[in-house]
N, C-alpha and C. Protein backbone atom coordinates (compact mmCIF):
# COMPACT_ATOMS: atom_id res chain seq x y z
N MET A 1 -111.40 12.13 63.44
CA MET A 1 -110.23 11.46 64.36
C MET A 1 -110.01 11.95 65.60
N ALA A 2 -109.42 10.33 65.82
CA ALA A 2 -109.07 10.84 67.63
C ALA A 2 -108.35 11.31 68.11
N THR A 3 -108.17 12.12 68.87
CA THR A 3 -107.01 13.27 69.43
C THR A 3 -106.01 12.27 69.95
N ARG A 4 -106.09 11.14 70.42
CA ARG A 4 -105.17 10.02 71.48
C ARG A 4 -105.21 8.49 70.42
N HIS A 5 -104.53 7.83 70.84
CA HIS A 5 -104.59 6.78 70.09
C HIS A 5 -103.92 5.74 71.13
N LEU A 6 -104.24 4.45 71.59
CA LEU A 6 -103.82 3.60 72.34
C LEU A 6 -102.24 2.52 72.50
N THR A 7 -102.09 2.13 73.14
CA THR A 7 -100.64 1.84 73.15
C THR A 7 -100.58 0.68 73.91
N ARG A 8 -99.47 0.24 73.91
CA ARG A 8 -98.67 -1.27 74.40
C ARG A 8 -98.11 -0.83 75.58
N VAL A 9 -97.35 -0.64 76.52
CA VAL A 9 -96.73 -0.59 77.62
C VAL A 9 -95.85 -1.89 77.89
N ASP A 10 -94.63 -2.10 76.82
CA ASP A 10 -94.03 -3.11 77.36
C ASP A 10 -93.77 -4.22 78.46
N GLY A 11 -93.94 -5.31 78.13
CA GLY A 11 -93.57 -5.43 79.47
C GLY A 11 -94.31 -5.96 80.52
N ALA A 12 -95.66 -5.08 80.05
CA ALA A 12 -96.71 -4.79 81.44
C ALA A 12 -97.58 -5.96 81.53
N CYS A 13 -98.01 -6.43 80.13
CA CYS A 13 -99.23 -7.23 79.94
C CYS A 13 -99.14 -8.18 79.97
N VAL A 14 -99.74 -9.39 81.00
CA VAL A 14 -99.99 -10.15 81.67
C VAL A 14 -101.34 -11.56 80.45
N GLU A 15 -101.86 -10.94 79.43
CA GLU A 15 -102.39 -11.34 78.60
C GLU A 15 -103.71 -12.16 79.51
N CYS A 16 -103.88 -11.61 80.39
CA CYS A 16 -105.41 -12.43 80.84
C CYS A 16 -106.69 -11.56 80.50
N THR A 17 -106.56 -10.64 79.79
CA THR A 17 -107.60 -10.60 78.34
C THR A 17 -108.80 -10.23 78.92
N ALA A 18 -108.52 -9.44 80.06
CA ALA A 18 -109.52 -9.22 80.62
C ALA A 18 -109.68 -7.49 79.67
N CYS A 19 -109.06 -6.48 79.18
CA CYS A 19 -109.31 -6.08 78.14
C CYS A 19 -109.66 -5.78 76.44
N VAL A 20 -109.54 -6.94 76.88
CA VAL A 20 -110.43 -7.94 74.76
C VAL A 20 -111.93 -7.56 75.35
N ALA A 21 -112.13 -8.14 76.91
CA ALA A 21 -113.48 -8.26 76.92
C ALA A 21 -114.53 -7.12 76.98
N GLN A 22 -113.58 -6.08 76.97
CA GLN A 22 -114.14 -4.79 77.38
C GLN A 22 -114.07 -3.90 75.96
N CYS A 23 -113.67 -4.17 75.27
CA CYS A 23 -112.94 -3.44 73.22
C CYS A 23 -114.39 -3.56 72.53
N ARG A 24 -115.31 -2.69 72.47
CA ARG A 24 -116.39 -2.74 71.58
C ARG A 24 -116.18 -2.44 70.26
N SER A 25 -115.02 -1.86 69.53
CA SER A 25 -114.64 -1.83 68.77
C SER A 25 -113.94 -2.79 68.26
N GLY A 26 -113.65 -4.11 69.06
CA GLY A 26 -112.76 -5.44 67.70
C GLY A 26 -111.81 -5.08 67.67
N ALA A 27 -110.73 -3.75 68.24
CA ALA A 27 -109.28 -3.71 68.00
C ALA A 27 -108.54 -4.84 69.05
N LEU A 28 -109.16 -4.99 70.12
CA LEU A 28 -108.33 -6.14 70.50
C LEU A 28 -108.96 -7.78 70.33
N SER A 29 -108.35 -8.45 70.38
CA SER A 29 -108.58 -9.41 70.17
C SER A 29 -107.27 -10.19 71.13
N ILE A 30 -107.81 -11.99 70.48
CA ILE A 30 -106.48 -12.47 71.39
C ILE A 30 -106.17 -13.95 70.06
N ALA A 31 -104.90 -13.60 69.85
CA ALA A 31 -104.21 -14.24 68.82
C ALA A 31 -104.41 -16.16 69.59
N ARG A 32 -104.44 -16.06 67.75
CA ARG A 32 -104.55 -18.28 68.43
C ARG A 32 -103.63 -18.20 68.01
N PRO A 33 -102.74 -19.86 68.20
CA PRO A 33 -103.07 -20.38 69.42
C PRO A 33 -102.60 -20.14 70.42
N THR A 34 -101.54 -18.93 70.56
CA THR A 34 -100.78 -18.30 71.67
C THR A 34 -101.02 -17.67 72.57
N TYR A 35 -102.68 -17.27 72.73
CA TYR A 35 -103.31 -17.14 73.84
C TYR A 35 -102.97 -15.39 74.09
N THR A 36 -102.61 -14.84 72.92
CA THR A 36 -102.26 -13.44 73.73
C THR A 36 -102.82 -12.69 72.66
N VAL A 37 -102.80 -11.72 73.21
CA VAL A 37 -103.56 -10.07 72.86
C VAL A 37 -103.31 -9.09 72.06
N ARG A 38 -103.95 -9.67 70.98
CA ARG A 38 -103.42 -8.40 69.79
C ARG A 38 -103.91 -6.92 69.47
N LEU A 39 -103.07 -5.91 69.27
CA LEU A 39 -104.30 -4.49 69.05
C LEU A 39 -104.06 -4.08 67.82
N ASP A 40 -105.75 -4.32 66.84
CA ASP A 40 -105.15 -3.27 65.80
C ASP A 40 -105.56 -1.60 65.74
N VAL A 41 -104.80 -0.68 66.28
CA VAL A 41 -104.86 0.23 66.56
C VAL A 41 -105.56 0.95 65.37
N SER A 42 -106.47 0.73 64.06
CA SER A 42 -106.94 1.42 63.19
C SER A 42 -107.72 0.77 63.09
N ARG A 43 -108.94 -0.02 64.40
CA ARG A 43 -109.53 -0.01 64.99
C ARG A 43 -109.64 0.53 65.70
N CYS A 44 -109.37 0.84 66.09
CA CYS A 44 -109.62 1.71 67.85
C CYS A 44 -110.60 2.81 67.74
N SER A 45 -111.23 3.04 69.08
CA SER A 45 -112.08 4.28 69.03
C SER A 45 -111.54 5.24 69.93
N ALA A 46 -110.52 4.94 70.74
CA ALA A 46 -109.76 5.55 71.77
C ALA A 46 -111.26 6.13 73.45
N CYS A 47 -111.86 5.11 73.27
CA CYS A 47 -112.16 5.11 74.36
C CYS A 47 -112.39 5.06 75.59
N GLY A 48 -111.30 4.51 75.96
CA GLY A 48 -110.68 4.34 76.99
C GLY A 48 -110.69 2.92 77.83
N TRP A 49 -112.12 2.08 77.31
CA TRP A 49 -112.35 1.24 78.82
C TRP A 49 -111.69 0.50 78.87
N CYS A 50 -111.02 -0.33 77.28
CA CYS A 50 -109.75 -1.38 77.39
C CYS A 50 -108.22 -0.95 78.99
N VAL A 51 -108.24 -0.01 78.66
CA VAL A 51 -107.23 0.93 79.93
C VAL A 51 -107.58 0.97 81.24
N ASP A 52 -109.09 1.41 81.38
CA ASP A 52 -109.77 0.92 82.55
C ASP A 52 -109.21 -0.32 83.43
N ALA A 53 -109.61 -1.48 82.41
CA ALA A 53 -109.74 -2.96 82.36
C ALA A 53 -108.61 -3.20 83.15
N CYS A 54 -107.85 -2.86 82.95
CA CYS A 54 -106.73 -3.27 82.39
C CYS A 54 -106.27 -3.01 84.43
N GLY A 55 -105.35 -3.93 84.28
CA GLY A 55 -105.23 -3.39 86.13
C GLY A 55 -103.85 -4.02 86.19
N TYR A 56 -103.25 -3.62 85.24
CA TYR A 56 -101.91 -4.50 85.36
C TYR A 56 -101.16 -2.95 84.49
N GLY A 57 -101.97 -2.36 84.35
CA GLY A 57 -101.04 -0.28 83.56
C GLY A 57 -100.29 -1.12 81.99
N ALA A 58 -101.22 -1.85 81.61
CA ALA A 58 -100.31 -2.62 80.00
C ALA A 58 -100.72 -1.52 78.91
N LEU A 59 -102.17 -0.60 79.34
CA LEU A 59 -102.06 -0.47 77.62
C LEU A 59 -102.52 1.25 78.61
N GLU A 60 -102.06 2.25 78.17
CA GLU A 60 -101.87 3.71 77.61
C GLU A 60 -103.03 4.31 76.25
N LEU A 61 -103.32 5.36 76.61
CA LEU A 61 -103.82 6.19 75.21
C LEU A 61 -103.50 7.11 76.01
N VAL A 62 -102.43 7.87 74.60
CA VAL A 62 -101.00 8.76 74.92
C VAL A 62 -102.00 9.59 72.87
N PRO A 63 -101.86 11.12 73.29
CA PRO A 63 -101.59 11.61 72.48
C PRO A 63 -101.20 11.99 71.20
N ARG A 64 -101.82 12.11 69.95
CA ARG A 64 -101.70 12.04 68.53
C ARG A 64 -100.63 12.87 68.64
N ARG A 65 -99.70 12.33 67.99
CA ARG A 65 -98.34 13.14 67.22
C ARG A 65 -99.06 14.24 66.14
N ARG A 66 -99.09 15.56 65.55
CA ARG A 66 -99.37 16.52 64.71
C ARG A 66 -98.89 15.91 63.87
N ARG A 67 -99.19 16.00 62.26
CA ARG A 67 -98.47 15.66 61.05
C ARG A 67 -97.99 17.13 60.53
N ARG A 68 -96.68 17.38 60.25
CA ARG A 68 -96.11 19.21 59.38
C ARG A 68 -97.06 19.06 58.54
N ALA A 69 -97.16 20.27 58.42
CA ALA A 69 -97.55 20.83 57.08
C ALA A 69 -96.66 20.40 55.78
N GLY A 70 -97.49 19.92 55.04
CA GLY A 70 -96.95 19.17 53.48
C GLY A 70 -96.05 17.80 54.16
N ALA A 71 -96.08 17.83 55.79
CA ALA A 71 -95.77 15.85 55.42
C ALA A 71 -96.07 15.28 54.91
N ALA A 72 -95.46 14.02 54.58
CA ALA A 72 -95.95 12.69 53.84
C ALA A 72 -96.94 11.83 55.11
C-alpha cells in the first residue's frame, strides 16, 4: 500500500484534463456529460505524474494517516 494518497485542492481545478492524460492507473477520468475530472482513489498508485502535469496546483500527494492499533 502506498504511503501517500492523491487528493484534490478545493476550487483549484479548472477542468483542463491535463492530469487525466498522464494518469496510467485510470484513477482520473472525465465524467460526462459535465466534462469534469473524476478521481477514484482506489485505483491511484500515487505515482505523482498527474500532480506534475497540473499547472494549477489542483492535485496533491499527501501522507496517509496510520490507523491506530485495534481501530476498525
